[in-house]
Amino acid sequence: MGQTAEARAQAGRIGAAVLHSRYDSRELTERGRATFLSRFDREVDPLGELDPAERARRSEQAKRAYFLRLAHRSAKVRAARKAGSK
């Protein structure tokens, strides 16, 4: 029979701790971060026609908008939870 969900989670946490003790965390996540950030370049310049400096400027603004929307949604959820707990 398989492990319980709790045992699998604990094994995963142990594995992650070992991995991060052996390698630099930034190196481990570098490719993922680069892929995530490239989405903003593709969003603002899907055909690759913009000047690189302009693409970078617009991409930075698209990233900013993304995180502002994320923060706004998070604040709404926290406020709803707080209102529900009263």
N, C-alpha and C. Protein backbone atom coordinates (compact mmCIF):
# COMPACT_ATOMS: atom_id res chain seq x y z
N MET A 1 0.83 -1.17 0.00
CA MET A 1 0.00 0.00 0.00
C MET A 1 0.88 1.24 0.00
N GLY A 2 0.44 2.35 -0.58
CA GLY A 2 1.23 3.58 -0.72
C GLY A 2 1.31 4.36 0.57
N GLN A 3 2.16 5.37 0.53
CA GLN A 3 2.33 6.25 1.68
C GLN A 3 1.12 7.17 1.83
N THR A 4 0.97 7.66 3.04
CA THR A 4 -0.09 8.65 3.26
C THR A 4 0.34 9.98 2.66
N ALA A 5 -0.61 10.85 2.48
CA ALA A 5 -0.31 12.17 1.94
C ALA A 5 0.66 12.91 2.87
N GLU A 6 0.49 12.74 4.16
CA GLU A 6 1.38 13.40 5.12
C GLU A 6 2.81 12.89 4.99
N ALA A 7 2.98 11.59 4.81
CA ALA A 7 4.31 11.00 4.66
C ALA A 7 4.96 11.47 3.36
N ARG A 8 4.18 11.55 2.29
CA ARG A 8 4.72 12.03 1.01
C ARG A 8 5.14 13.49 1.12
N ALA A 9 4.35 14.29 1.80
CA ALA A 9 4.68 15.70 1.98
C ALA A 9 5.96 15.85 2.79
N GLN A 10 6.09 15.05 3.84
CA GLN A 10 7.29 15.12 4.67
C GLN A 10 8.52 14.69 3.87
N ALA A 11 8.39 13.64 3.07
CA ALA A 11 9.51 13.20 2.23
C ALA A 11 9.89 14.28 1.23
N GLY A 12 8.90 14.97 0.69
CA GLY A 12 9.17 16.06 -0.24
C GLY A 12 9.90 17.21 0.42
N ARG A 13 9.49 17.56 1.64
CA ARG A 13 10.16 18.63 2.37
C ARG A 13 11.61 18.26 2.66
N ILE A 14 11.84 17.01 3.04
CA ILE A 14 13.20 16.55 3.30
C ILE A 14 14.03 16.63 2.02
N GLY A 15 13.48 16.15 0.93
CA GLY A 15 14.18 16.19 -0.35
C GLY A 15 14.52 17.61 -0.77
N ALA A 16 13.58 18.54 -0.57
CA ALA A 16 13.83 19.93 -0.93
C ALA A 16 14.93 20.52 -0.05
N ALA A 17 14.93 20.20 1.23
CA ALA A 17 15.97 20.71 2.13
C ALA A 17 17.35 20.20 1.71
N VAL A 18 17.42 18.92 1.34
CA VAL A 18 18.69 18.35 0.89
C VAL A 18 19.14 19.04 -0.40
N LEU A 19 18.24 19.20 -1.34
CA LEU A 19 18.57 19.84 -2.61
C LEU A 19 19.11 21.25 -2.39
N HIS A 20 18.42 22.03 -1.57
CA HIS A 20 18.82 23.42 -1.34
C HIS A 20 20.06 23.51 -0.46
N SER A 21 20.41 22.45 0.25
CA SER A 21 21.65 22.46 1.03
C SER A 21 22.85 22.19 0.13
N ARG A 22 22.61 21.59 -1.02
CA ARG A 22 23.70 21.23 -1.93
C ARG A 22 23.93 22.23 -3.04
N TYR A 23 22.91 23.00 -3.39
CA TYR A 23 23.00 23.91 -4.52
C TYR A 23 22.47 25.28 -4.14
N ASP A 24 22.91 26.29 -4.88
CA ASP A 24 22.41 27.64 -4.70
C ASP A 24 20.97 27.71 -5.22
N SER A 25 20.07 28.17 -4.41
CA SER A 25 18.66 28.22 -4.79
C SER A 25 18.42 29.07 -6.03
N ARG A 26 19.17 30.16 -6.17
CA ARG A 26 18.99 31.02 -7.34
C ARG A 26 19.38 30.29 -8.62
N GLU A 27 20.41 29.45 -8.54
CA GLU A 27 20.80 28.67 -9.72
C GLU A 27 19.73 27.64 -10.07
N LEU A 28 19.14 27.06 -9.04
CA LEU A 28 18.12 26.03 -9.27
C LEU A 28 16.89 26.60 -9.97
N THR A 29 16.57 27.84 -9.69
CA THR A 29 15.34 28.43 -10.22
C THR A 29 15.58 29.40 -11.37
N GLU A 30 16.82 29.53 -11.80
CA GLU A 30 17.17 30.53 -12.82
C GLU A 30 16.39 30.34 -14.12
N ARG A 31 16.34 29.13 -14.64
CA ARG A 31 15.63 28.89 -15.90
C ARG A 31 14.14 29.19 -15.77
N GLY A 32 13.55 28.78 -14.65
CA GLY A 32 12.13 29.04 -14.44
C GLY A 32 11.82 30.52 -14.36
N ARG A 33 12.68 31.27 -13.66
CA ARG A 33 12.49 32.72 -13.57
C ARG A 33 12.62 33.37 -14.94
N ALA A 34 13.61 32.94 -15.72
CA ALA A 34 13.81 33.51 -17.05
C ALA A 34 12.60 33.24 -17.94
N THR A 35 12.07 32.03 -17.87
CA THR A 35 10.89 31.69 -18.66
C THR A 35 9.69 32.52 -18.24
N PHE A 36 9.50 32.65 -16.93
CA PHE A 36 8.39 33.45 -16.42
C PHE A 36 8.50 34.90 -16.90
N LEU A 37 9.69 35.49 -16.77
CA LEU A 37 9.86 36.89 -17.16
C LEU A 37 9.74 37.10 -18.66
N SER A 38 10.10 36.09 -19.45
CA SER A 38 10.02 36.23 -20.91
C SER A 38 8.56 36.33 -21.37
N ARG A 39 7.63 35.88 -20.55
CA ARG A 39 6.22 35.99 -20.92
C ARG A 39 5.82 37.44 -21.13
N PHE A 40 6.41 38.36 -20.36
CA PHE A 40 6.07 39.77 -20.48
C PHE A 40 6.63 40.34 -21.78
N ASP A 41 7.81 39.89 -22.19
CA ASP A 41 8.35 40.30 -23.49
C ASP A 41 7.41 39.86 -24.60
N ARG A 42 6.97 38.62 -24.55
CA ARG A 42 6.07 38.10 -25.58
C ARG A 42 4.72 38.81 -25.55
N GLU A 43 4.29 39.19 -24.37
CA GLU A 43 3.00 39.87 -24.22
C GLU A 43 3.02 41.25 -24.88
N VAL A 44 4.10 41.99 -24.69
CA VAL A 44 4.16 43.35 -25.22
C VAL A 44 4.68 43.42 -26.65
N ASP A 45 5.36 42.37 -27.10
CA ASP A 45 5.94 42.37 -28.45
C ASP A 45 5.88 40.96 -29.05
N PRO A 46 4.67 40.49 -29.34
CA PRO A 46 4.53 39.10 -29.81
C PRO A 46 5.24 38.82 -31.13
N LEU A 47 5.43 39.84 -31.96
CA LEU A 47 6.08 39.64 -33.26
C LEU A 47 7.57 39.97 -33.22
N GLY A 48 8.08 40.44 -32.08
CA GLY A 48 9.49 40.77 -31.94
C GLY A 48 9.93 41.94 -32.79
N GLU A 49 9.06 42.92 -32.96
CA GLU A 49 9.34 44.06 -33.83
C GLU A 49 9.85 45.29 -33.10
N LEU A 50 9.69 45.35 -31.80
CA LEU A 50 10.09 46.55 -31.07
C LEU A 50 11.60 46.62 -30.87
N ASP A 51 12.06 47.85 -30.69
CA ASP A 51 13.45 48.09 -30.31
C ASP A 51 13.66 47.42 -28.95
N PRO A 52 14.80 46.76 -28.72
CA PRO A 52 15.01 46.05 -27.45
C PRO A 52 14.82 46.93 -26.21
N ALA A 53 15.25 48.17 -26.27
CA ALA A 53 15.07 49.05 -25.10
C ALA A 53 13.59 49.34 -24.85
N GLU A 54 12.84 49.55 -25.92
CA GLU A 54 11.40 49.81 -25.77
C GLU A 54 10.68 48.55 -25.29
N ARG A 55 11.08 47.39 -25.81
CA ARG A 55 10.48 46.13 -25.37
C ARG A 55 10.74 45.93 -23.88
N ALA A 56 11.96 46.22 -23.44
CA ALA A 56 12.31 46.07 -22.02
C ALA A 56 11.48 47.01 -21.16
N ARG A 57 11.30 48.26 -21.62
CA ARG A 57 10.50 49.22 -20.86
C ARG A 57 9.06 48.76 -20.73
N ARG A 58 8.49 48.35 -21.86
CA ARG A 58 7.09 47.89 -21.84
C ARG A 58 6.94 46.60 -21.04
N SER A 59 7.91 45.72 -21.18
CA SER A 59 7.87 44.45 -20.45
C SER A 59 7.89 44.69 -18.94
N GLU A 60 8.72 45.64 -18.51
CA GLU A 60 8.78 45.98 -17.09
C GLU A 60 7.44 46.51 -16.60
N GLN A 61 6.76 47.32 -17.41
CA GLN A 61 5.45 47.84 -17.03
C GLN A 61 4.40 46.72 -17.01
N ALA A 62 4.48 45.79 -17.95
CA ALA A 62 3.55 44.65 -17.95
C ALA A 62 3.76 43.79 -16.72
N LYS A 63 5.02 43.60 -16.33
CA LYS A 63 5.32 42.83 -15.12
C LYS A 63 4.78 43.55 -13.89
N ARG A 64 4.96 44.85 -13.86
CA ARG A 64 4.45 45.65 -12.73
C ARG A 64 2.93 45.52 -12.63
N ALA A 65 2.25 45.63 -13.77
CA ALA A 65 0.79 45.51 -13.79
C ALA A 65 0.36 44.12 -13.30
N TYR A 66 1.07 43.09 -13.72
CA TYR A 66 0.77 41.72 -13.30
C TYR A 66 0.82 41.61 -11.77
N PHE A 67 1.91 42.10 -11.18
CA PHE A 67 2.07 41.97 -9.73
C PHE A 67 1.11 42.89 -8.97
N LEU A 68 0.78 44.04 -9.53
CA LEU A 68 -0.22 44.90 -8.89
C LEU A 68 -1.60 44.23 -8.89
N ARG A 69 -1.96 43.59 -10.02
CA ARG A 69 -3.24 42.85 -10.06
C ARG A 69 -3.23 41.71 -9.04
N LEU A 70 -2.11 41.01 -8.95
CA LEU A 70 -1.98 39.91 -8.00
C LEU A 70 -2.15 40.41 -6.56
N ALA A 71 -1.51 41.52 -6.24
CA ALA A 71 -1.62 42.09 -4.90
C ALA A 71 -3.05 42.54 -4.62
N HIS A 72 -3.71 43.11 -5.62
CA HIS A 72 -5.09 43.56 -5.46
C HIS A 72 -6.02 42.38 -5.16
N ARG A 73 -5.87 41.31 -5.92
CA ARG A 73 -6.70 40.12 -5.68
C ARG A 73 -6.42 39.53 -4.31
N SER A 74 -5.15 39.51 -3.91
CA SER A 74 -4.79 38.98 -2.60
C SER A 74 -5.42 39.81 -1.48
N ALA A 75 -5.38 41.12 -1.63
CA ALA A 75 -5.98 42.00 -0.62
C ALA A 75 -7.48 41.78 -0.52
N LYS A 76 -8.13 41.59 -1.68
CA LYS A 76 -9.58 41.34 -1.67
C LYS A 76 -9.90 40.04 -0.94
N VAL A 77 -9.12 39.01 -1.19
CA VAL A 77 -9.35 37.72 -0.53
C VAL A 77 -9.13 37.84 0.98
N ARG A 78 -8.05 38.53 1.37
CA ARG A 78 -7.78 38.70 2.79
C ARG A 78 -8.91 39.48 3.47
N ALA A 79 -9.41 40.51 2.80
CA ALA A 79 -10.51 41.31 3.37
C ALA A 79 -11.77 40.48 3.49
N ALA A 80 -12.02 39.64 2.50
CA ALA A 80 -13.22 38.79 2.55
C ALA A 80 -13.10 37.77 3.68
N ARG A 81 -11.91 37.22 3.86
CA ARG A 81 -11.70 36.26 4.95
C ARG A 81 -11.89 36.93 6.30
N LYS A 82 -11.33 38.13 6.42
CA LYS A 82 -11.44 38.86 7.68
C LYS A 82 -12.91 39.19 7.97
N ALA A 83 -13.65 39.60 6.96
CA ALA A 83 -15.07 39.92 7.14
C ALA A 83 -15.86 38.67 7.50
N GLY A 84 -15.48 37.54 6.95
CA GLY A 84 -16.18 36.29 7.22
C GLY A 84 -15.89 35.72 8.60
N SER A 85 -14.77 36.10 9.19
CA SER A 85 -14.40 35.55 10.49
C SER A 85 -15.00 36.31 11.65
N LYS A 86 -15.68 37.41 11.36
CA LYS A 86 -16.27 38.22 12.45
C LYS A 86 -17.61 37.69 12.85
